[in-house]
C-alpha atoms as a PDB file:
ATOM      1  CA  MET A   1     -44.798   0.976-166.752  1.00  0.00           C
ATOM      2  CA  SER A   2     -41.147   0.852-167.762  1.00  0.00           C
ATOM      3  CA  ASN A   3     -38.523  -0.718-165.546  1.00  0.00           C
ATOM      4  CA  LEU A   4     -37.189   2.760-164.782  1.00  0.00           C
ATOM      5  CA  ASP A   5     -40.649   4.035-163.835  1.00  0.00           C
ATOM      6  CA  GLY A   6     -41.148   1.024-161.619  1.00  0.00           C
ATOM      7  CA  LEU A   7     -37.804   1.434-159.902  1.00  0.00           C
ATOM      8  CA  LEU A   8     -38.341   5.149-159.289  1.00  0.00           C
ATOM      9  CA  ALA A   9     -41.801   4.483-157.866  1.00  0.00           C
ATOM     10  CA  LYS A  10     -40.479   1.744-155.589  1.00  0.00           C
ATOM     11  CA  LEU A  11     -37.551   3.857-154.425  1.00  0.00           C
ATOM     12  CA  SER A  12     -39.953   6.581-153.366  1.00  0.00           C
ATOM     13  CA  THR A  13     -42.102   4.226-151.279  1.00  0.00           C
ATOM     14  CA  ASP A  14     -39.925   1.263-150.216  1.00  0.00           C
ATOM     15  CA  ALA A  15     -37.484   2.254-147.471  1.00  0.00           C
ATOM     16  CA  GLU A  16     -35.634  -1.065-147.598  1.00  0.00           C
ATOM     17  CA  LEU A  17     -35.082  -0.841-151.356  1.00  0.00           C
ATOM     18  CA  LYS A  18     -33.958   2.775-151.046  1.00  0.00           C
ATOM     19  CA  GLU A  19     -31.428   1.734-148.385  1.00  0.00           C
ATOM     20  CA  GLN A  20     -30.153  -0.995-150.726  1.00  0.00           C
ATOM     21  CA  PHE A  21     -29.923   1.575-153.523  1.00  0.00           C
ATOM     22  CA  LEU A  22     -27.947   3.951-151.326  1.00  0.00           C
ATOM     23  CA  THR A  23     -25.588   1.116-150.371  1.00  0.00           C
ATOM     24  CA  ASP A  24     -25.228  -0.598-153.752  1.00  0.00           C
ATOM     25  CA  PRO A  25     -27.001   1.291-156.523  1.00  0.00           C
ATOM     26  CA  GLU A  26     -25.494  -0.749-159.346  1.00  0.00           C
ATOM     27  CA  SER A  27     -26.930  -4.035-158.102  1.00  0.00           C
ATOM     28  CA  VAL A  28     -30.365  -2.455-157.615  1.00  0.00           C
ATOM     29  CA  MET A  29     -30.287  -1.032-161.150  1.00  0.00           C
ATOM     30  CA  ASP A  30     -29.092  -4.376-162.545  1.00  0.00           C
ATOM     31  CA  GLU A  31     -31.865  -6.231-160.730  1.00  0.00           C
ATOM     32  CA  ALA A  32     -34.398  -3.748-162.151  1.00  0.00           C
ATOM     33  CA  GLU A  33     -32.973  -4.482-165.629  1.00  0.00           C
ATOM     34  CA  LEU A  34     -32.426  -0.824-166.490  1.00  0.00           C
ATOM     35  CA  THR A  35     -30.935   0.031-169.863  1.00  0.00           C
ATOM     36  CA  ASP A  36     -27.476   1.600-170.089  1.00  0.00           C
ATOM     37  CA  ASP A  37     -29.100   4.999-170.806  1.00  0.00           C
ATOM     38  CA  GLU A  38     -31.358   4.669-167.773  1.00  0.00           C
ATOM     39  CA  LYS A  39     -28.424   3.700-165.556  1.00  0.00           C
ATOM     40  CA  ALA A  40     -26.385   6.654-166.830  1.00  0.00           C
ATOM     41  CA  ALA A  41     -29.242   9.064-166.090  1.00  0.00           C
ATOM     42  CA  MET A  42     -29.552   7.624-162.586  1.00  0.00           C
ATOM     43  CA  ARG A  43     -25.783   7.819-161.991  1.00  0.00           C
ATOM     44  CA  ASP A  44     -25.712  11.436-163.146  1.00  0.00           C
ATOM     45  CA  SER A  45     -28.886  12.333-161.206  1.00  0.00           C
ATOM     46  CA  ASP A  46     -29.910  13.857-164.547  1.00  0.00           C
ATOM     47  CA  THR A  47     -33.501  14.852-163.889  1.00  0.00           C
ATOM     48  CA  ASP A  48     -33.982  16.126-167.451  1.00  0.00           C
ATOM     49  CA  LYS A  49     -32.878  12.797-168.920  1.00  0.00           C
ATOM     50  CA  LEU A  50     -34.894  10.840-166.347  1.00  0.00           C
ATOM     51  CA  SER A  51     -37.945  12.913-167.267  1.00  0.00           C
ATOM     52  CA  ASP A  52     -37.328  12.271-170.974  1.00  0.00           C
ATOM     53  CA  LEU A  53     -36.930   8.535-170.388  1.00  0.00           C
ATOM     54  CA  THR A  54     -40.021   8.202-168.212  1.00  0.00           C
ATOM     55  CA  GLY A  55     -42.236  10.856-169.755  1.00  0.00           C
ATOM     56  CA  ASP A  56     -42.707  12.155-166.211  1.00  0.00           C
ATOM     57  CA  ASN A  57     -41.765  15.802-165.773  1.00  0.00           C
ATOM     58  CA  GLN A  58     -42.086  15.389-162.005  1.00  0.00           C
ATOM     59  CA  VAL A  59     -39.509  12.576-161.738  1.00  0.00           C
ATOM     60  CA  TYR A  60     -37.317  14.779-159.545  1.00  0.00           C
ATOM     61  CA  GLY A  61     -40.147  14.784-157.014  1.00  0.00           C
ATOM     62  CA  LYS A  62     -39.601  11.087-156.423  1.00  0.00           C
ATOM     63  CA  ASN A  63     -36.568  12.089-154.318  1.00  0.00           C
ATOM     64  CA  VAL A  64     -34.052   9.732-155.856  1.00  0.00           C
ATOM     65  CA  ILE A  65     -30.470  10.913-155.866  1.00  0.00           C
ATOM     66  CA  TYR A  66     -27.602   8.648-156.874  1.00  0.00           C
ATOM     67  CA  PRO A  67     -25.268   8.247-153.898  1.00  0.00           C
ATOM     68  CA  ASN A  68     -21.805   9.750-154.264  1.00  0.00           C
END
């Protein structure tokens, strides 16, 4: 499992981590050691890019939206 896959899975099941992500997404992404491309896809809420990066065409179903 890639770091991005792991983070997306955790964000969909771990309420505390999701709250941290909503408060300070950059630190959560840094801690998960995401690549620059992965961070950009998360920032843009780019479900197509996230799907390409993870190989998961249902990534949008993990209910992760970058906070504005």
